[in-house]
């Protein structure tokens, strides 16, 4: 989130404006985490 500038001071911050960025970053984060854990131990496999 810091790399995407979501903590920069703003005069008119909006949670709805940030929502698409937050959702996209969450998707990338969970796909990477699920793939890494599945390769580490199949017990931690996560379905779509």
ModelCIF file with pLDDT and N, C-alpha, C, O atoms, coordinates in Angstrom:
data_MODEL
#
_entry.id   MODEL 
#
_entity.id                         1 
_entity.type                       polymer 
_entity.pdbx_number_of_molecules   1 
#
_entity_poly.entity_id                      1 
_entity_poly.type                           'polypeptide(L)' 
_entity_poly.nstd_linkage                   no 
_entity_poly.nstd_monomer                   no 
_entity_poly.pdbx_seq_one_letter_code       
;(UNK)(UNK)(UNK)(UNK)(UNK)(UNK)(UNK)(UNK)(UNK)(UNK)(UNK)(UNK)(UNK)(UNK)(UNK)(UNK)
(UNK)(UNK)(UNK)(UNK)(UNK)(UNK)(UNK)(UNK)(UNK)(UNK)(UNK)(UNK)(UNK)(UNK)(UNK)(UNK)
(UNK)(UNK)(UNK)(UNK)(UNK)(UNK)(UNK)(UNK)(UNK)(UNK)(UNK)(UNK)(UNK)(UNK)(UNK)(UNK)
;
_entity_poly.pdbx_seq_one_letter_code_can   XXXXXXXXXXXXXXXXXXXXXXXXXXXXXXXXXXXXXXXXXXXXXXXX 
_entity_poly.pdbx_strand_id                 A 
#
loop_
_entity_poly_seq.entity_id 
_entity_poly_seq.num 
_entity_poly_seq.mon_id 
_entity_poly_seq.hetero 
1 1  UNK n 
1 2  UNK n 
1 3  UNK n 
1 4  UNK n 
1 5  UNK n 
1 6  UNK n 
1 7  UNK n 
1 8  UNK n 
1 9  UNK n 
1 10 UNK n 
1 11 UNK n 
1 12 UNK n 
1 13 UNK n 
1 14 UNK n 
1 15 UNK n 
1 16 UNK n 
1 17 UNK n 
1 18 UNK n 
1 19 UNK n 
1 20 UNK n 
1 21 UNK n 
1 22 UNK n 
1 23 UNK n 
1 24 UNK n 
1 25 UNK n 
1 26 UNK n 
1 27 UNK n 
1 28 UNK n 
1 29 UNK n 
1 30 UNK n 
1 31 UNK n 
1 32 UNK n 
1 33 UNK n 
1 34 UNK n 
1 35 UNK n 
1 36 UNK n 
1 37 UNK n 
1 38 UNK n 
1 39 UNK n 
1 40 UNK n 
1 41 UNK n 
1 42 UNK n 
1 43 UNK n 
1 44 UNK n 
1 45 UNK n 
1 46 UNK n 
1 47 UNK n 
1 48 UNK n 
#
_struct_asym.id          A 
_struct_asym.entity_id   1 
#
loop_
_ma_qa_metric.id 
_ma_qa_metric.mode 
_ma_qa_metric.name 
_ma_qa_metric.software_group_id 
_ma_qa_metric.type 
1 global pLDDT . pLDDT 
2 local  pLDDT . pLDDT 
#
_ma_qa_metric_global.metric_id      1 
_ma_qa_metric_global.metric_value   84.15 
_ma_qa_metric_global.model_id       1 
_ma_qa_metric_global.ordinal_id     1 
#
loop_
_ma_qa_metric_local.label_asym_id 
_ma_qa_metric_local.label_comp_id 
_ma_qa_metric_local.label_seq_id 
_ma_qa_metric_local.metric_id 
_ma_qa_metric_local.metric_value 
_ma_qa_metric_local.model_id 
_ma_qa_metric_local.ordinal_id 
A UNK 1  2 86.00 1 1  
A UNK 2  2 81.00 1 2  
A UNK 3  2 77.00 1 3  
A UNK 4  2 81.00 1 4  
A UNK 5  2 79.00 1 5  
A UNK 6  2 85.00 1 6  
A UNK 7  2 84.00 1 7  
A UNK 8  2 81.00 1 8  
A UNK 9  2 81.00 1 9  
A UNK 10 2 85.00 1 10 
A UNK 11 2 88.00 1 11 
A UNK 12 2 88.00 1 12 
A UNK 13 2 89.00 1 13 
A UNK 14 2 88.00 1 14 
A UNK 15 2 90.00 1 15 
A UNK 16 2 89.00 1 16 
A UNK 17 2 88.00 1 17 
A UNK 18 2 90.00 1 18 
A UNK 19 2 92.00 1 19 
A UNK 20 2 92.00 1 20 
A UNK 21 2 91.00 1 21 
A UNK 22 2 93.00 1 22 
A UNK 23 2 93.00 1 23 
A UNK 24 2 93.00 1 24 
A UNK 25 2 92.00 1 25 
A UNK 26 2 91.00 1 26 
A UNK 27 2 92.00 1 27 
A UNK 28 2 90.00 1 28 
A UNK 29 2 88.00 1 29 
A UNK 30 2 86.00 1 30 
A UNK 31 2 88.00 1 31 
A UNK 32 2 86.00 1 32 
A UNK 33 2 82.00 1 33 
A UNK 34 2 82.00 1 34 
A UNK 35 2 84.00 1 35 
A UNK 36 2 81.00 1 36 
A UNK 37 2 77.00 1 37 
A UNK 38 2 79.00 1 38 
A UNK 39 2 80.00 1 39 
A UNK 40 2 76.00 1 40 
A UNK 41 2 74.00 1 41 
A UNK 42 2 74.00 1 42 
A UNK 43 2 72.00 1 43 
A UNK 44 2 70.00 1 44 
A UNK 45 2 74.00 1 45 
A UNK 46 2 74.00 1 46 
A UNK 47 2 79.00 1 47 
A UNK 48 2 84.00 1 48 
#
loop_
_atom_site.group_PDB 
_atom_site.id 
_atom_site.type_symbol 
_atom_site.label_atom_id 
_atom_site.label_alt_id 
_atom_site.label_comp_id 
_atom_site.label_asym_id 
_atom_site.label_entity_id 
_atom_site.label_seq_id 
_atom_site.pdbx_PDB_ins_code 
_atom_site.Cartn_x 
_atom_site.Cartn_y 
_atom_site.Cartn_z 
_atom_site.occupancy 
_atom_site.B_iso_or_equiv 
_atom_site.pdbx_formal_charge 
_atom_site.auth_seq_id 
_atom_site.auth_comp_id 
_atom_site.auth_asym_id 
_atom_site.auth_atom_id 
_atom_site.pdbx_PDB_model_num 
ATOM 1   N N  . UNK A 1 1  ? 0.825   -1.202  0.000  1.00 86.00 ? 1  UNK A N  1 
ATOM 2   C CA . UNK A 1 1  ? 0.000   0.000   0.000  1.00 86.00 ? 1  UNK A CA 1 
ATOM 3   C C  . UNK A 1 1  ? 0.863   1.259   0.000  1.00 86.00 ? 1  UNK A C  1 
ATOM 4   O O  . UNK A 1 1  ? 0.533   2.251   -0.648 1.00 86.00 ? 1  UNK A O  1 
ATOM 5   N N  . UNK A 1 2  ? 1.971   1.204   0.734  1.00 81.00 ? 2  UNK A N  1 
ATOM 6   C CA . UNK A 1 2  ? 2.883   2.350   0.746  1.00 81.00 ? 2  UNK A CA 1 
ATOM 7   C C  . UNK A 1 2  ? 3.502   2.567   -0.626 1.00 81.00 ? 2  UNK A C  1 
ATOM 8   O O  . UNK A 1 2  ? 3.661   3.705   -1.067 1.00 81.00 ? 2  UNK A O  1 
ATOM 9   N N  . UNK A 1 3  ? 3.854   1.467   -1.307 1.00 77.00 ? 3  UNK A N  1 
ATOM 10  C CA . UNK A 1 3  ? 4.436   1.592   -2.645 1.00 77.00 ? 3  UNK A CA 1 
ATOM 11  C C  . UNK A 1 3  ? 3.443   2.197   -3.635 1.00 77.00 ? 3  UNK A C  1 
ATOM 12  O O  . UNK A 1 3  ? 3.855   2.856   -4.589 1.00 77.00 ? 3  UNK A O  1 
ATOM 13  N N  . UNK A 1 4  ? 2.157   1.987   -3.429 1.00 81.00 ? 4  UNK A N  1 
ATOM 14  C CA . UNK A 1 4  ? 1.134   2.549   -4.315 1.00 81.00 ? 4  UNK A CA 1 
ATOM 15  C C  . UNK A 1 4  ? 0.679   3.940   -3.880 1.00 81.00 ? 4  UNK A C  1 
ATOM 16  O O  . UNK A 1 4  ? -0.209  4.526   -4.498 1.00 81.00 ? 4  UNK A O  1 
ATOM 17  N N  . UNK A 1 5  ? 1.293   4.470   -2.810 1.00 79.00 ? 5  UNK A N  1 
ATOM 18  C CA . UNK A 1 5  ? 0.985   5.831   -2.388 1.00 79.00 ? 5  UNK A CA 1 
ATOM 19  C C  . UNK A 1 5  ? -0.310  5.990   -1.630 1.00 79.00 ? 5  UNK A C  1 
ATOM 20  O O  . UNK A 1 5  ? -0.877  7.083   -1.607 1.00 79.00 ? 5  UNK A O  1 
ATOM 21  N N  . UNK A 1 6  ? -0.798  4.929   -1.006 1.00 85.00 ? 6  UNK A N  1 
ATOM 22  C CA . UNK A 1 6  ? -2.079  5.014   -0.305 1.00 85.00 ? 6  UNK A CA 1 
ATOM 23  C C  . UNK A 1 6  ? -1.969  5.674   1.061  1.00 85.00 ? 6  UNK A C  1 
ATOM 24  O O  . UNK A 1 6  ? -2.988  5.888   1.718  1.00 85.00 ? 6  UNK A O  1 
ATOM 25  N N  . UNK A 1 7  ? -0.755  6.004   1.507  1.00 84.00 ? 7  UNK A N  1 
ATOM 26  C CA . UNK A 1 7  ? -0.588  6.688   2.789  1.00 84.00 ? 7  UNK A CA 1 
ATOM 27  C C  . UNK A 1 7  ? -0.147  8.138   2.618  1.00 84.00 ? 7  UNK A C  1 
ATOM 28  O O  . UNK A 1 7  ? 0.135   8.817   3.605  1.00 84.00 ? 7  UNK A O  1 
ATOM 29  N N  . UNK A 1 8  ? -0.084  8.617   1.386  1.00 81.00 ? 8  UNK A N  1 
ATOM 30  C CA . UNK A 1 8  ? 0.318   10.005  1.188  1.00 81.00 ? 8  UNK A CA 1 
ATOM 31  C C  . UNK A 1 8  ? -0.759  10.944  1.709  1.00 81.00 ? 8  UNK A C  1 
ATOM 32  O O  . UNK A 1 8  ? -1.949  10.674  1.546  1.00 81.00 ? 8  UNK A O  1 
ATOM 33  N N  . UNK A 1 9  ? -0.357  12.035  2.329  1.00 81.00 ? 9  UNK A N  1 
ATOM 34  C CA . UNK A 1 9  ? -1.352  12.994  2.833  1.00 81.00 ? 9  UNK A CA 1 
ATOM 35  C C  . UNK A 1 9  ? -2.190  13.553  1.683  1.00 81.00 ? 9  UNK A C  1 
ATOM 36  O O  . UNK A 1 9  ? -1.661  13.921  0.634  1.00 81.00 ? 9  UNK A O  1 
ATOM 37  N N  . UNK A 1 10 ? -3.483  13.608  1.896  1.00 85.00 ? 10 UNK A N  1 
ATOM 38  C CA . UNK A 1 10 ? -4.397  14.156  0.891  1.00 85.00 ? 10 UNK A CA 1 
ATOM 39  C C  . UNK A 1 10 ? -5.390  15.086  1.575  1.00 85.00 ? 10 UNK A C  1 
ATOM 40  O O  . UNK A 1 10 ? -5.691  14.934  2.759  1.00 85.00 ? 10 UNK A O  1 
ATOM 41  N N  . UNK A 1 11 ? -5.888  16.039  0.819  1.00 88.00 ? 11 UNK A N  1 
ATOM 42  C CA . UNK A 1 11 ? -6.859  16.978  1.372  1.00 88.00 ? 11 UNK A CA 1 
ATOM 43  C C  . UNK A 1 11 ? -8.253  16.378  1.401  1.00 88.00 ? 11 UNK A C  1 
ATOM 44  O O  . UNK A 1 11 ? -9.039  16.680  2.299  1.00 88.00 ? 11 UNK A O  1 
ATOM 45  N N  . UNK A 1 12 ? -8.573  15.525  0.424  1.00 88.00 ? 12 UNK A N  1 
ATOM 46  C CA . UNK A 1 12 ? -9.916  14.932  0.338  1.00 88.00 ? 12 UNK A CA 1 
ATOM 47  C C  . UNK A 1 12 ? -9.811  13.426  0.152  1.00 88.00 ? 12 UNK A C  1 
ATOM 48  O O  . UNK A 1 12 ? -10.163 12.915  -0.912 1.00 88.00 ? 12 UNK A O  1 
ATOM 49  N N  . UNK A 1 13 ? -9.338  12.707  1.157  1.00 89.00 ? 13 UNK A N  1 
ATOM 50  C CA . UNK A 1 13 ? -9.220  11.253  1.014  1.00 89.00 ? 13 UNK A CA 1 
ATOM 51  C C  . UNK A 1 13 ? -10.584 10.594  0.944  1.00 89.00 ? 13 UNK A C  1 
ATOM 52  O O  . UNK A 1 13 ? -11.544 11.059  1.559  1.00 89.00 ? 13 UNK A O  1 
ATOM 53  N N  . UNK A 1 14 ? -10.660 9.509   0.192  1.00 88.00 ? 14 UNK A N  1 
ATOM 54  C CA . UNK A 1 14 ? -11.933 8.795   0.027  1.00 88.00 ? 14 UNK A CA 1 
ATOM 55  C C  . UNK A 1 14 ? -11.668 7.296   -0.005 1.00 88.00 ? 14 UNK A C  1 
ATOM 56  O O  . UNK A 1 14 ? -10.846 6.817   -0.786 1.00 88.00 ? 14 UNK A O  1 
ATOM 57  N N  . UNK A 1 15 ? -12.369 6.564   0.847  1.00 90.00 ? 15 UNK A N  1 
ATOM 58  C CA . UNK A 1 15 ? -12.222 5.111   0.869  1.00 90.00 ? 15 UNK A CA 1 
ATOM 59  C C  . UNK A 1 15 ? -12.736 4.491   -0.423 1.00 90.00 ? 15 UNK A C  1 
ATOM 60  O O  . UNK A 1 15 ? -12.163 3.515   -0.907 1.00 90.00 ? 15 UNK A O  1 
ATOM 61  N N  . UNK A 1 16 ? -13.809 5.044   -0.992 1.00 89.00 ? 16 UNK A N  1 
ATOM 62  C CA . UNK A 1 16 ? -14.350 4.504   -2.232 1.00 89.00 ? 16 UNK A CA 1 
ATOM 63  C C  . UNK A 1 16 ? -13.395 4.730   -3.400 1.00 89.00 ? 16 UNK A C  1 
ATOM 64  O O  . UNK A 1 16 ? -13.282 3.885   -4.289 1.00 89.00 ? 16 UNK A O  1 
ATOM 65  N N  . UNK A 1 17 ? -12.711 5.865   -3.395 1.00 88.00 ? 17 UNK A N  1 
ATOM 66  C CA . UNK A 1 17 ? -11.731 6.123   -4.445 1.00 88.00 ? 17 UNK A CA 1 
ATOM 67  C C  . UNK A 1 17 ? -10.583 5.132   -4.374 1.00 88.00 ? 17 UNK A C  1 
ATOM 68  O O  . UNK A 1 17 ? -10.047 4.718   -5.402 1.00 88.00 ? 17 UNK A O  1 
ATOM 69  N N  . UNK A 1 18 ? -10.202 4.750   -3.149 1.00 90.00 ? 18 UNK A N  1 
ATOM 70  C CA . UNK A 1 18 ? -9.096  3.813   -2.963 1.00 90.00 ? 18 UNK A CA 1 
ATOM 71  C C  . UNK A 1 18 ? -9.499  2.365   -3.199 1.00 90.00 ? 18 UNK A C  1 
ATOM 72  O O  . UNK A 1 18 ? -8.633  1.504   -3.360 1.00 90.00 ? 18 UNK A O  1 
ATOM 73  N N  . UNK A 1 19 ? -10.805 2.080   -3.223 1.00 92.00 ? 19 UNK A N  1 
ATOM 74  C CA . UNK A 1 19 ? -11.282 0.693   -3.262 1.00 92.00 ? 19 UNK A CA 1 
ATOM 75  C C  . UNK A 1 19 ? -10.731 -0.115  -4.441 1.00 92.00 ? 19 UNK A C  1 
ATOM 76  O O  . UNK A 1 19 ? -10.287 -1.241  -4.218 1.00 92.00 ? 19 UNK A O  1 
ATOM 77  N N  . UNK A 1 20 ? -10.733 0.390   -5.684 1.00 92.00 ? 20 UNK A N  1 
ATOM 78  C CA . UNK A 1 20 ? -10.187 -0.423  -6.783 1.00 92.00 ? 20 UNK A CA 1 
ATOM 79  C C  . UNK A 1 20 ? -8.719  -0.790  -6.585 1.00 92.00 ? 20 UNK A C  1 
ATOM 80  O O  . UNK A 1 20 ? -8.315  -1.920  -6.861 1.00 92.00 ? 20 UNK A O  1 
ATOM 81  N N  . UNK A 1 21 ? -7.923  0.165   -6.106 1.00 91.00 ? 21 UNK A N  1 
ATOM 82  C CA . UNK A 1 21 ? -6.509  -0.127  -5.857 1.00 91.00 ? 21 UNK A CA 1 
ATOM 83  C C  . UNK A 1 21 ? -6.352  -1.149  -4.747 1.00 91.00 ? 21 UNK A C  1 
ATOM 84  O O  . UNK A 1 21 ? -5.563  -2.086  -4.870 1.00 91.00 ? 21 UNK A O  1 
ATOM 85  N N  . UNK A 1 22 ? -7.099  -0.974  -3.663 1.00 93.00 ? 22 UNK A N  1 
ATOM 86  C CA . UNK A 1 22 ? -7.024  -1.915  -2.533 1.00 93.00 ? 22 UNK A CA 1 
ATOM 87  C C  . UNK A 1 22 ? -7.427  -3.313  -2.981 1.00 93.00 ? 22 UNK A C  1 
ATOM 88  O O  . UNK A 1 22 ? -6.787  -4.292  -2.599 1.00 93.00 ? 22 UNK A O  1 
ATOM 89  N N  . UNK A 1 23 ? -8.481  -3.417  -3.786 1.00 93.00 ? 23 UNK A N  1 
ATOM 90  C CA . UNK A 1 23 ? -8.950  -4.723  -4.252 1.00 93.00 ? 23 UNK A CA 1 
ATOM 91  C C  . UNK A 1 23 ? -7.917  -5.384  -5.174 1.00 93.00 ? 23 UNK A C  1 
ATOM 92  O O  . UNK A 1 23 ? -7.644  -6.577  -5.039 1.00 93.00 ? 23 UNK A O  1 
ATOM 93  N N  . UNK A 1 24 ? -7.353  -4.630  -6.090 1.00 93.00 ? 24 UNK A N  1 
ATOM 94  C CA . UNK A 1 24 ? -6.343  -5.192  -6.992 1.00 93.00 ? 24 UNK A CA 1 
ATOM 95  C C  . UNK A 1 24 ? -5.123  -5.690  -6.251 1.00 93.00 ? 24 UNK A C  1 
ATOM 96  O O  . UNK A 1 24 ? -4.605  -6.766  -6.550 1.00 93.00 ? 24 UNK A O  1 
ATOM 97  N N  . UNK A 1 25 ? -4.652  -4.903  -5.270 1.00 92.00 ? 25 UNK A N  1 
ATOM 98  C CA . UNK A 1 25 ? -3.489  -5.332  -4.493 1.00 92.00 ? 25 UNK A CA 1 
ATOM 99  C C  . UNK A 1 25 ? -3.818  -6.562  -3.645 1.00 92.00 ? 25 UNK A C  1 
ATOM 100 O O  . UNK A 1 25 ? -2.979  -7.448  -3.488 1.00 92.00 ? 25 UNK A O  1 
ATOM 101 N N  . UNK A 1 26 ? -5.028  -6.618  -3.103 1.00 91.00 ? 26 UNK A N  1 
ATOM 102 C CA . UNK A 1 26 ? -5.423  -7.794  -2.314 1.00 91.00 ? 26 UNK A CA 1 
ATOM 103 C C  . UNK A 1 26 ? -5.463  -9.048  -3.186 1.00 91.00 ? 26 UNK A C  1 
ATOM 104 O O  . UNK A 1 26 ? -5.061  -10.125 -2.746 1.00 91.00 ? 26 UNK A O  1 
ATOM 105 N N  . UNK A 1 27 ? -5.946  -8.908  -4.416 1.00 92.00 ? 27 UNK A N  1 
ATOM 106 C CA . UNK A 1 27 ? -6.002  -10.055 -5.325 1.00 92.00 ? 27 UNK A CA 1 
ATOM 107 C C  . UNK A 1 27 ? -4.604  -10.598 -5.616 1.00 92.00 ? 27 UNK A C  1 
ATOM 108 O O  . UNK A 1 27 ? -4.373  -11.805 -5.547 1.00 92.00 ? 27 UNK A O  1 
ATOM 109 N N  . UNK A 1 28 ? -3.683  -9.706  -5.938 1.00 90.00 ? 28 UNK A N  1 
ATOM 110 C CA . UNK A 1 28 ? -2.305  -10.132 -6.208 1.00 90.00 ? 28 UNK A CA 1 
ATOM 111 C C  . UNK A 1 28 ? -1.683  -10.773 -4.977 1.00 90.00 ? 28 UNK A C  1 
ATOM 112 O O  . UNK A 1 28 ? -1.011  -11.801 -5.066 1.00 90.00 ? 28 UNK A O  1 
ATOM 113 N N  . UNK A 1 29 ? -1.918  -10.148 -3.824 1.00 88.00 ? 29 UNK A N  1 
ATOM 114 C CA . UNK A 1 29 ? -1.342  -10.655 -2.584 1.00 88.00 ? 29 UNK A CA 1 
ATOM 115 C C  . UNK A 1 29 ? -1.844  -12.065 -2.257 1.00 88.00 ? 29 UNK A C  1 
ATOM 116 O O  . UNK A 1 29 ? -1.054  -12.931 -1.882 1.00 88.00 ? 29 UNK A O  1 
ATOM 117 N N  . UNK A 1 30 ? -3.159  -12.299 -2.399 1.00 86.00 ? 30 UNK A N  1 
ATOM 118 C CA . UNK A 1 30 ? -3.712  -13.602 -2.035 1.00 86.00 ? 30 UNK A CA 1 
ATOM 119 C C  . UNK A 1 30 ? -3.342  -14.684 -3.045 1.00 86.00 ? 30 UNK A C  1 
ATOM 120 O O  . UNK A 1 30 ? -3.133  -15.837 -2.666 1.00 86.00 ? 30 UNK A O  1 
ATOM 121 N N  . UNK A 1 31 ? -3.261  -14.331 -4.305 1.00 88.00 ? 31 UNK A N  1 
ATOM 122 C CA . UNK A 1 31 ? -2.837  -15.325 -5.298 1.00 88.00 ? 31 UNK A CA 1 
ATOM 123 C C  . UNK A 1 31 ? -1.404  -15.763 -5.016 1.00 88.00 ? 31 UNK A C  1 
ATOM 124 O O  . UNK A 1 31 ? -1.093  -16.953 -5.058 1.00 88.00 ? 31 UNK A O  1 
ATOM 125 N N  . UNK A 1 32 ? -0.529  -14.792 -4.728 1.00 86.00 ? 32 UNK A N  1 
ATOM 126 C CA . UNK A 1 32 ? 0.871   -15.128 -4.437 1.00 86.00 ? 32 UNK A CA 1 
ATOM 127 C C  . UNK A 1 32 ? 0.978   -15.963 -3.163 1.00 86.00 ? 32 UNK A C  1 
ATOM 128 O O  . UNK A 1 32 ? 1.725   -16.940 -3.123 1.00 86.00 ? 32 UNK A O  1 
ATOM 129 N N  . UNK A 1 33 ? 0.231   -15.580 -2.116 1.00 82.00 ? 33 UNK A N  1 
ATOM 130 C CA . UNK A 1 33 ? 0.298   -16.328 -0.857 1.00 82.00 ? 33 UNK A CA 1 
ATOM 131 C C  . UNK A 1 33 ? -0.234  -17.750 -1.021 1.00 82.00 ? 33 UNK A C  1 
ATOM 132 O O  . UNK A 1 33 ? 0.358   -18.705 -0.517 1.00 82.00 ? 33 UNK A O  1 
ATOM 133 N N  . UNK A 1 34 ? -1.358  -17.881 -1.731 1.00 82.00 ? 34 UNK A N  1 
ATOM 134 C CA . UNK A 1 34 ? -1.946  -19.215 -1.912 1.00 82.00 ? 34 UNK A CA 1 
ATOM 135 C C  . UNK A 1 34 ? -1.030  -20.113 -2.726 1.00 82.00 ? 34 UNK A C  1 
ATOM 136 O O  . UNK A 1 34 ? -0.874  -21.291 -2.403 1.00 82.00 ? 34 UNK A O  1 
ATOM 137 N N  . UNK A 1 35 ? -0.424  -19.577 -3.773 1.00 84.00 ? 35 UNK A N  1 
ATOM 138 C CA . UNK A 1 35 ? 0.478   -20.382 -4.602 1.00 84.00 ? 35 UNK A CA 1 
ATOM 139 C C  . UNK A 1 35 ? 1.702   -20.820 -3.816 1.00 84.00 ? 35 UNK A C  1 
ATOM 140 O O  . UNK A 1 35 ? 2.128   -21.971 -3.917 1.00 84.00 ? 35 UNK A O  1 
ATOM 141 N N  . UNK A 1 36 ? 2.270   -19.909 -3.034 1.00 81.00 ? 36 UNK A N  1 
ATOM 142 C CA . UNK A 1 36 ? 3.468   -20.250 -2.262 1.00 81.00 ? 36 UNK A CA 1 
ATOM 143 C C  . UNK A 1 36 ? 3.158   -21.310 -1.208 1.00 81.00 ? 36 UNK A C  1 
ATOM 144 O O  . UNK A 1 36 ? 3.934   -22.248 -1.029 1.00 81.00 ? 36 UNK A O  1 
ATOM 145 N N  . UNK A 1 37 ? 2.034   -21.170 -0.512 1.00 77.00 ? 37 UNK A N  1 
ATOM 146 C CA . UNK A 1 37 ? 1.699   -22.139 0.534  1.00 77.00 ? 37 UNK A CA 1 
ATOM 147 C C  . UNK A 1 37 ? 1.334   -23.498 -0.053 1.00 77.00 ? 37 UNK A C  1 
ATOM 148 O O  . UNK A 1 37 ? 1.650   -24.529 0.541  1.00 77.00 ? 37 UNK A O  1 
ATOM 149 N N  . UNK A 1 38 ? 0.676   -23.515 -1.204 1.00 79.00 ? 38 UNK A N  1 
ATOM 150 C CA . UNK A 1 38 ? 0.329   -24.784 -1.842 1.00 79.00 ? 38 UNK A CA 1 
ATOM 151 C C  . UNK A 1 38 ? 1.585   -25.560 -2.223 1.00 79.00 ? 38 UNK A C  1 
ATOM 152 O O  . UNK A 1 38 ? 1.653   -26.778 -2.054 1.00 79.00 ? 38 UNK A O  1 
ATOM 153 N N  . UNK A 1 39 ? 2.571   -24.844 -2.734 1.00 80.00 ? 39 UNK A N  1 
ATOM 154 C CA . UNK A 1 39 ? 3.834   -25.517 -3.093 1.00 80.00 ? 39 UNK A CA 1 
ATOM 155 C C  . UNK A 1 39 ? 4.585   -25.988 -1.857 1.00 80.00 ? 39 UNK A C  1 
ATOM 156 O O  . UNK A 1 39 ? 5.289   -26.996 -1.888 1.00 80.00 ? 39 UNK A O  1 
ATOM 157 N N  . UNK A 1 40 ? 4.421   -25.232 -0.751 1.00 76.00 ? 40 UNK A N  1 
ATOM 158 C CA . UNK A 1 40 ? 5.105   -25.619 0.490  1.00 76.00 ? 40 UNK A CA 1 
ATOM 159 C C  . UNK A 1 40 ? 4.460   -26.844 1.122  1.00 76.00 ? 40 UNK A C  1 
ATOM 160 O O  . UNK A 1 40 ? 5.153   -27.766 1.552  1.00 76.00 ? 40 UNK A O  1 
ATOM 161 N N  . UNK A 1 41 ? 3.115   -26.852 1.177  1.00 74.00 ? 41 UNK A N  1 
ATOM 162 C CA . UNK A 1 41 ? 2.401   -27.971 1.804  1.00 74.00 ? 41 UNK A CA 1 
ATOM 163 C C  . UNK A 1 41 ? 0.993   -28.005 1.204  1.00 74.00 ? 41 UNK A C  1 
ATOM 164 O O  . UNK A 1 41 ? 0.245   -27.033 1.305  1.00 74.00 ? 41 UNK A O  1 
ATOM 165 N N  . UNK A 1 42 ? 0.646   -29.116 0.588  1.00 74.00 ? 42 UNK A N  1 
ATOM 166 C CA . UNK A 1 42 ? -0.652  -29.212 -0.093 1.00 74.00 ? 42 UNK A CA 1 
ATOM 167 C C  . UNK A 1 42 ? -1.830  -29.109 0.874  1.00 74.00 ? 42 UNK A C  1 
ATOM 168 O O  . UNK A 1 42 ? -2.960  -28.877 0.444  1.00 74.00 ? 42 UNK A O  1 
ATOM 169 N N  . UNK A 1 43 ? -1.584  -29.276 2.161  1.00 72.00 ? 43 UNK A N  1 
ATOM 170 C CA . UNK A 1 43 ? -2.672  -29.157 3.132  1.00 72.00 ? 43 UNK A CA 1 
ATOM 171 C C  . UNK A 1 43 ? -3.215  -27.733 3.198  1.00 72.00 ? 43 UNK A C  1 
ATOM 172 O O  . UNK A 1 43 ? -4.357  -27.506 3.598  1.00 72.00 ? 43 UNK A O  1 
ATOM 173 N N  . UNK A 1 44 ? -2.381  -26.784 2.801  1.00 70.00 ? 44 UNK A N  1 
ATOM 174 C CA . UNK A 1 44 ? -2.784  -25.378 2.870  1.00 70.00 ? 44 UNK A CA 1 
ATOM 175 C C  . UNK A 1 44 ? -3.361  -24.880 1.548  1.00 70.00 ? 44 UNK A C  1 
ATOM 176 O O  . UNK A 1 44 ? -3.490  -23.674 1.343  1.00 70.00 ? 44 UNK A O  1 
ATOM 177 N N  . UNK A 1 45 ? -3.713  -25.813 0.644  1.00 74.00 ? 45 UNK A N  1 
ATOM 178 C CA . UNK A 1 45 ? -4.244  -25.388 -0.650 1.00 74.00 ? 45 UNK A CA 1 
ATOM 179 C C  . UNK A 1 45 ? -5.564  -24.615 -0.469 1.00 74.00 ? 45 UNK A C  1 
ATOM 180 O O  . UNK A 1 45 ? -6.386  -24.956 0.382  1.00 74.00 ? 45 UNK A O  1 
ATOM 181 N N  . UNK A 1 46 ? -5.741  -23.581 -1.280 1.00 74.00 ? 46 UNK A N  1 
ATOM 182 C CA . UNK A 1 46 ? -6.930  -22.716 -1.197 1.00 74.00 ? 46 UNK A CA 1 
ATOM 183 C C  . UNK A 1 46 ? -7.631  -22.745 -2.538 1.00 74.00 ? 46 UNK A C  1 
ATOM 184 O O  . UNK A 1 46 ? -6.998  -22.559 -3.577 1.00 74.00 ? 46 UNK A O  1 
ATOM 185 N N  . UNK A 1 47 ? -8.940  -22.979 -2.523 1.00 79.00 ? 47 UNK A N  1 
ATOM 186 C CA . UNK A 1 47 ? -9.708  -22.985 -3.752 1.00 79.00 ? 47 UNK A CA 1 
ATOM 187 C C  . UNK A 1 47 ? -10.032 -21.575 -4.225 1.00 79.00 ? 47 UNK A C  1 
ATOM 188 O O  . UNK A 1 47 ? -9.868  -20.604 -3.486 1.00 79.00 ? 47 UNK A O  1 
ATOM 189 N N  . UNK A 1 48 ? -10.496 -21.479 -5.474 1.00 84.00 ? 48 UNK A N  1 
ATOM 190 C CA . UNK A 1 48 ? -10.799 -20.166 -6.039 1.00 84.00 ? 48 UNK A CA 1 
ATOM 191 C C  . UNK A 1 48 ? -11.938 -19.484 -5.311 1.00 84.00 ? 48 UNK A C  1 
ATOM 192 O O  . UNK A 1 48 ? -12.315 -18.367 -5.666 1.00 84.00 ? 48 UNK A O  1 
#
